[in-house]
């Protein structure tokens, strides 16, 4: 090993990153452009044209989601 170099050993598998996915719908079907907030992780995304959303790279645990869309109650 050269001077100034460090090594690290990682024993065992790395924990896989978690994913949360879903679809925001209303009385007339999927809602595009809704804001979805993953409150506990301070993450925000916007739903696609089909109302779907996705959060990736999450630690295991429980999360609280909220969603809002202009003109929707």
Protein backbone atom coordinates (compact mmCIF):
# COMPACT_ATOMS: atom_id res chain seq x y z
CA UNK A 1 0.00 0.00 0.00
CA UNK A 2 1.25 3.48 -0.85
CA UNK A 3 1.62 6.12 1.83
CA UNK A 4 -1.57 8.10 2.34
CA UNK A 5 -3.87 5.35 1.04
CA UNK A 6 -6.60 3.84 3.19
CA UNK A 7 -8.56 0.67 2.66
CA UNK A 8 -11.92 -0.42 4.01
CA UNK A 9 -13.47 -3.85 4.12
CA UNK A 10 -17.22 -4.26 3.91
CA UNK A 11 -18.47 -7.56 5.23
CA UNK A 12 -21.86 -8.80 4.14
CA UNK A 13 -24.35 -7.49 1.59
CA UNK A 14 -25.35 -3.85 1.45
CA UNK A 15 -28.97 -3.14 2.36
CA UNK A 16 -31.07 -2.52 -0.74
CA UNK A 17 -32.54 0.94 -1.11
CA UNK A 18 -36.28 1.14 -0.65
CA UNK A 19 -38.79 2.39 -3.21
CA UNK A 20 -42.28 3.83 -2.76
CA UNK A 21 -44.56 4.05 -5.80
CA UNK A 22 -48.22 4.82 -6.26
CA UNK A 23 -50.93 6.55 -8.27
CA UNK A 24 -52.88 9.64 -7.31
CA UNK A 25 -56.48 9.46 -8.52
CA UNK A 26 -59.64 11.51 -8.17
CA UNK A 27 -63.28 10.93 -9.02
CA UNK A 28 -62.52 11.27 -12.73
CA UNK A 29 -59.35 9.15 -12.79
CA UNK A 30 -55.58 9.72 -12.48
CA UNK A 31 -54.35 13.21 -11.57
CA UNK A 32 -51.35 14.47 -13.55
CA UNK A 33 -49.17 17.20 -12.05
CA UNK A 34 -50.09 16.55 -8.41
CA UNK A 35 -47.40 17.28 -5.83
CA UNK A 36 -46.52 14.29 -3.65
CA UNK A 37 -44.47 14.90 -0.51
CA UNK A 38 -42.66 12.22 1.47
CA UNK A 39 -42.86 14.16 4.73
CA UNK A 40 -40.35 12.25 6.86
CA UNK A 41 -37.63 12.35 4.20
CA UNK A 42 -38.21 15.93 2.96
CA UNK A 43 -38.64 14.68 -0.61
CA UNK A 44 -41.10 15.99 -3.20
CA UNK A 45 -42.10 14.76 -6.65
CA UNK A 46 -44.78 15.48 -9.24
CA UNK A 47 -47.09 12.86 -10.68
CA UNK A 48 -46.71 11.82 -14.31
CA UNK A 49 -49.46 12.07 -16.92
CA UNK A 50 -50.95 8.80 -15.68
CA UNK A 51 -50.95 9.95 -12.03
CA UNK A 52 -48.00 7.77 -10.97
CA UNK A 53 -45.14 8.81 -8.68
CA UNK A 54 -41.94 7.17 -7.43
CA UNK A 55 -39.49 7.76 -4.58
CA UNK A 56 -36.22 5.78 -4.67
CA UNK A 57 -33.19 5.27 -2.42
CA UNK A 58 -35.15 5.19 0.84
CA UNK A 59 -34.04 3.74 4.13
CA UNK A 60 -36.25 1.02 5.59
CA UNK A 61 -39.02 2.39 7.79
CA UNK A 62 -42.44 4.01 7.86
CA UNK A 63 -43.18 7.16 5.91
CA UNK A 64 -46.03 9.68 5.78
CA UNK A 65 -47.13 10.83 2.31
CA UNK A 66 -49.25 13.83 1.39
CA UNK A 67 -50.53 14.91 -2.01
CA UNK A 68 -52.06 18.07 -3.39
CA UNK A 69 -53.15 19.31 -6.80
CA UNK A 70 -54.37 22.73 -7.92
CA UNK A 71 -58.16 22.79 -8.18
CA UNK A 72 -58.58 19.44 -6.39
CA UNK A 73 -59.97 19.00 -2.90
